[in-house]
Amino acid sequence: MTTWIILGIIVVVAGAIVTMYNGLIRAKNRVDEAWSDIDVQLKRRYDLIPNLVETVKGYASHEQVTLEKVIEARNSAMAAQKTGDLATQQQAENTLSGTLKSIFALSENYPDLKANQNFLELQRELTDTEDKIQASRRFYNGNVRDFNTKLQVFPTNIFANMLGFKDYKFFEVSNEAEKANVKVEF
């Protein structure tokens, strides 16, 4: 009888460990999938930017500095993506978002550009992409929250620490990028 009780306890503990481990793996995979969704949208953004810049160049050729800043910010963001460092990537993406605002502000000063179908289509595509990036970031942050919560609650926290699970960092937008006003200078 005692043997059955001990065996039952071992089975229950083993079942709990397997359940915790599988839950951690599922949550980790959801975070990785969410990050992959962000990567897909960022790639789409990177592909659209050169087309947008070329369209604007045709109408606002003397705005070379603004256009160069956009391309430079795009290249920095693409390089930051390859580093795998979330903080570096966040900073580069925030800079890129700020420079994209300056291109859209140019359209206010160039009525022909504002009416150009190519520019309007690219602007719509880029706006759609920016919205998808925001949604992907929210999805990623929700999965990070769920995963990090699993890592912090008892008894999973003990088990997760033993197996070396580490928390993920949230993808945050810096306040400076949100507060920055777009400046168009001539």
Protein backbone atom coordinates (compact mmCIF):
# COMPACT_ATOMS: atom_id res chain seq x y z
CA MET A 1 0.00 0.00 0.00
CA THR A 2 2.78 2.43 0.90
CA THR A 3 4.51 1.60 -2.36
CA TRP A 4 1.40 2.59 -4.31
CA ILE A 5 1.14 5.89 -2.44
CA ILE A 6 4.80 6.71 -3.12
CA LEU A 7 4.41 5.67 -6.73
CA GLY A 8 1.27 7.84 -7.01
CA ILE A 9 3.13 10.85 -5.57
CA ILE A 10 6.01 10.31 -8.01
CA VAL A 11 3.58 10.12 -10.95
CA VAL A 12 1.78 13.32 -9.83
CA VAL A 13 5.08 15.21 -9.36
CA ALA A 14 6.42 13.96 -12.69
CA GLY A 15 3.15 14.98 -14.36
CA ALA A 16 3.37 18.44 -12.81
CA ILE A 17 6.96 18.86 -14.00
CA VAL A 18 6.09 17.76 -17.53
CA THR A 19 3.09 20.11 -17.56
CA MET A 20 5.21 23.06 -16.34
CA TYR A 21 7.97 22.34 -18.85
CA ASN A 22 5.56 21.99 -21.76
CA GLY A 23 3.81 25.20 -20.72
CA LEU A 24 7.12 27.06 -20.67
CA ILE A 25 8.10 25.72 -24.08
CA ARG A 26 4.71 26.66 -25.58
CA ALA A 27 4.97 30.18 -24.14
CA LYS A 28 8.56 30.56 -25.37
CA ASN A 29 7.56 29.43 -28.85
CA ARG A 30 4.68 31.95 -28.89
CA VAL A 31 7.13 34.74 -28.02
CA ASP A 32 9.53 33.61 -30.75
CA GLU A 33 6.65 33.44 -33.24
CA ALA A 34 5.52 36.94 -32.27
CA TRP A 35 9.06 38.24 -32.79
CA SER A 36 9.08 36.59 -36.20
CA ASP A 37 5.87 38.48 -37.06
CA ILE A 38 7.62 41.75 -36.22
CA ASP A 39 10.55 40.75 -38.45
CA VAL A 40 8.21 40.10 -41.38
CA GLN A 41 6.60 43.53 -41.05
CA LEU A 42 9.97 45.25 -40.64
CA LYS A 43 11.21 43.57 -43.83
CA ARG A 44 8.14 44.85 -45.63
CA ARG A 45 8.85 48.34 -44.32
CA TYR A 46 12.49 48.16 -45.40
CA ASP A 47 11.41 47.13 -48.90
CA LEU A 48 8.89 49.97 -49.24
CA ILE A 49 11.16 52.80 -48.08
CA PRO A 50 13.50 52.97 -51.12
CA ASN A 51 10.47 53.13 -53.45
CA LEU A 52 8.96 55.93 -51.38
CA VAL A 53 12.24 57.85 -51.34
CA GLU A 54 12.64 57.53 -55.12
CA THR A 55 9.11 58.81 -55.66
CA VAL A 56 9.71 61.82 -53.41
CA LYS A 57 13.05 62.54 -55.09
CA GLY A 58 11.26 63.22 -58.35
CA TYR A 59 9.20 66.01 -56.80
CA ALA A 60 11.43 67.33 -54.03
CA SER A 61 14.96 66.95 -55.31
CA HIS A 62 16.29 69.71 -53.05
CA GLU A 63 15.12 67.75 -49.98
CA GLN A 64 18.17 65.51 -50.33
CA VAL A 65 19.14 65.78 -46.63
CA THR A 66 15.74 64.54 -45.47
CA LEU A 67 15.81 61.68 -47.94
CA GLU A 68 19.36 60.70 -46.97
CA LYS A 69 18.34 60.64 -43.30
CA VAL A 70 15.50 58.25 -44.11
CA ILE A 71 17.79 55.90 -46.04
CA GLU A 72 20.45 56.13 -43.31
CA ALA A 73 17.84 55.32 -40.64
CA ARG A 74 16.59 52.39 -42.73
CA ASN A 75 20.10 51.00 -43.12
CA SER A 76 20.77 51.43 -39.38
CA ALA A 77 17.55 49.63 -38.52
CA MET A 78 18.41 46.75 -40.85
CA ALA A 79 21.89 46.49 -39.31
CA ALA A 80 20.45 46.62 -35.79
CA GLN A 81 18.07 43.79 -36.66
CA LYS A 82 21.02 41.55 -37.44
CA THR A 83 22.63 42.18 -34.03
CA GLY A 84 19.87 40.42 -32.14
CA ASP A 85 20.08 43.08 -29.42
CA LEU A 86 16.54 44.23 -28.66
CA ALA A 87 17.57 47.58 -27.15
CA THR A 88 19.69 48.50 -30.19
CA GLN A 89 16.91 47.46 -32.52
CA GLN A 90 14.30 49.45 -30.59
CA GLN A 91 16.41 52.60 -30.81
CA ALA A 92 17.03 52.14 -34.54
CA GLU A 93 13.34 51.47 -35.24
CA ASN A 94 12.31 54.54 -33.25
CA THR A 95 14.73 56.66 -35.27
CA LEU A 96 13.39 55.22 -38.52
CA SER A 97 9.80 55.94 -37.48
CA GLY A 98 10.76 59.55 -36.79
CA THR A 99 12.42 60.01 -40.17
CA LEU A 100 9.45 58.48 -41.98
CA LYS A 101 7.24 61.15 -40.43
CA SER A 102 9.45 63.78 -42.07
CA ILE A 103 8.84 62.30 -45.53
CA PHE A 104 5.09 62.44 -45.03
CA ALA A 105 5.41 66.02 -43.81
CA LEU A 106 7.12 66.89 -47.12
CA SER A 107 3.94 66.05 -48.97
CA GLU A 108 2.24 69.03 -47.31
CA ASN A 109 4.72 71.36 -48.99
CA TYR A 110 4.54 69.77 -52.44
CA PRO A 111 0.99 69.68 -53.81
CA ASP A 112 2.10 67.74 -56.90
CA LEU A 113 3.67 65.09 -54.71
CA LYS A 114 0.59 64.94 -52.54
CA ALA A 115 -1.53 64.19 -55.63
CA ASN A 116 0.89 61.68 -57.16
CA GLN A 117 -0.69 58.21 -57.31
CA ASN A 118 2.63 56.40 -56.72
CA PHE A 119 3.32 58.48 -53.63
CA LEU A 120 -0.21 58.00 -52.32
CA GLU A 121 -0.05 54.24 -52.84
CA LEU A 122 3.36 53.98 -51.18
CA GLN A 123 2.18 56.19 -48.33
CA ARG A 124 -0.89 54.00 -47.85
CA GLU A 125 1.22 50.82 -47.96
CA LEU A 126 3.73 52.22 -45.49
CA THR A 127 0.97 53.42 -43.16
CA ASP A 128 -0.60 49.97 -43.33
CA THR A 129 2.78 48.41 -42.58
CA GLU A 130 3.33 50.76 -39.63
CA ASP A 131 -0.08 49.73 -38.26
CA LYS A 132 0.84 46.06 -38.67
CA ILE A 133 4.18 46.65 -36.93
CA GLN A 134 2.33 48.24 -34.02
CA ALA A 135 -0.07 45.30 -33.84
CA SER A 136 2.84 42.84 -34.03
CA ARG A 137 4.62 44.66 -31.22
CA ARG A 138 1.50 44.52 -29.05
CA PHE A 139 1.13 40.80 -29.81
CA TYR A 140 4.80 40.22 -29.00
CA ASN A 141 4.58 42.19 -25.75
CA GLY A 142 1.46 40.24 -24.72
CA ASN A 143 3.30 36.98 -25.26
CA VAL A 144 6.35 38.30 -23.41
CA ARG A 145 4.10 39.28 -20.51
CA ASP A 146 2.55 35.79 -20.41
CA PHE A 147 5.93 34.04 -20.65
CA ASN A 148 7.57 36.25 -18.02
CA THR A 149 4.59 35.71 -15.71
CA LYS A 150 5.04 31.94 -16.06
CA LEU A 151 8.69 32.38 -15.12
CA GLN A 152 7.79 34.35 -12.00
CA VAL A 153 4.97 32.32 -10.47
CA PHE A 154 5.48 29.53 -7.97
CA PRO A 155 6.36 26.67 -8.43
CA THR A 156 7.22 27.20 -12.11
CA ASN A 157 9.83 29.83 -11.18
CA ILE A 158 11.95 27.22 -9.37
CA PHE A 159 11.71 24.76 -12.23
CA ALA A 160 12.35 27.45 -14.89
CA ASN A 161 15.46 28.68 -13.06
CA MET A 162 16.83 25.15 -12.83
CA LEU A 163 16.39 24.72 -16.60
CA GLY A 164 17.89 28.12 -17.41
CA PHE A 165 14.83 29.84 -18.86
CA LYS A 166 15.38 33.61 -19.09
CA ASP A 167 12.79 36.32 -19.34
CA TYR A 168 12.25 38.29 -22.54
CA LYS A 169 12.38 42.08 -22.79
CA PHE A 170 9.40 44.06 -23.96
CA PHE A 171 9.59 45.93 -27.25
CA GLU A 172 9.09 49.51 -26.16
CA VAL A 173 8.95 52.79 -28.01
CA SER A 174 11.03 55.51 -26.41
CA ASN A 175 9.23 58.63 -25.23
CA GLU A 176 11.61 60.82 -27.25
CA ALA A 177 10.46 59.26 -30.50
CA GLU A 178 6.80 59.74 -29.61
CA LYS A 179 7.26 63.35 -28.53
CA ALA A 180 9.46 64.46 -31.41
CA ASN A 181 7.75 66.86 -33.78
CA VAL A 182 8.41 66.56 -37.45
CA LYS A 183 10.53 69.43 -38.77
CA VAL A 184 10.54 70.39 -42.40
CA GLU A 185 13.16 73.00 -43.26
CA PHE A 186 13.98 74.73 -46.51
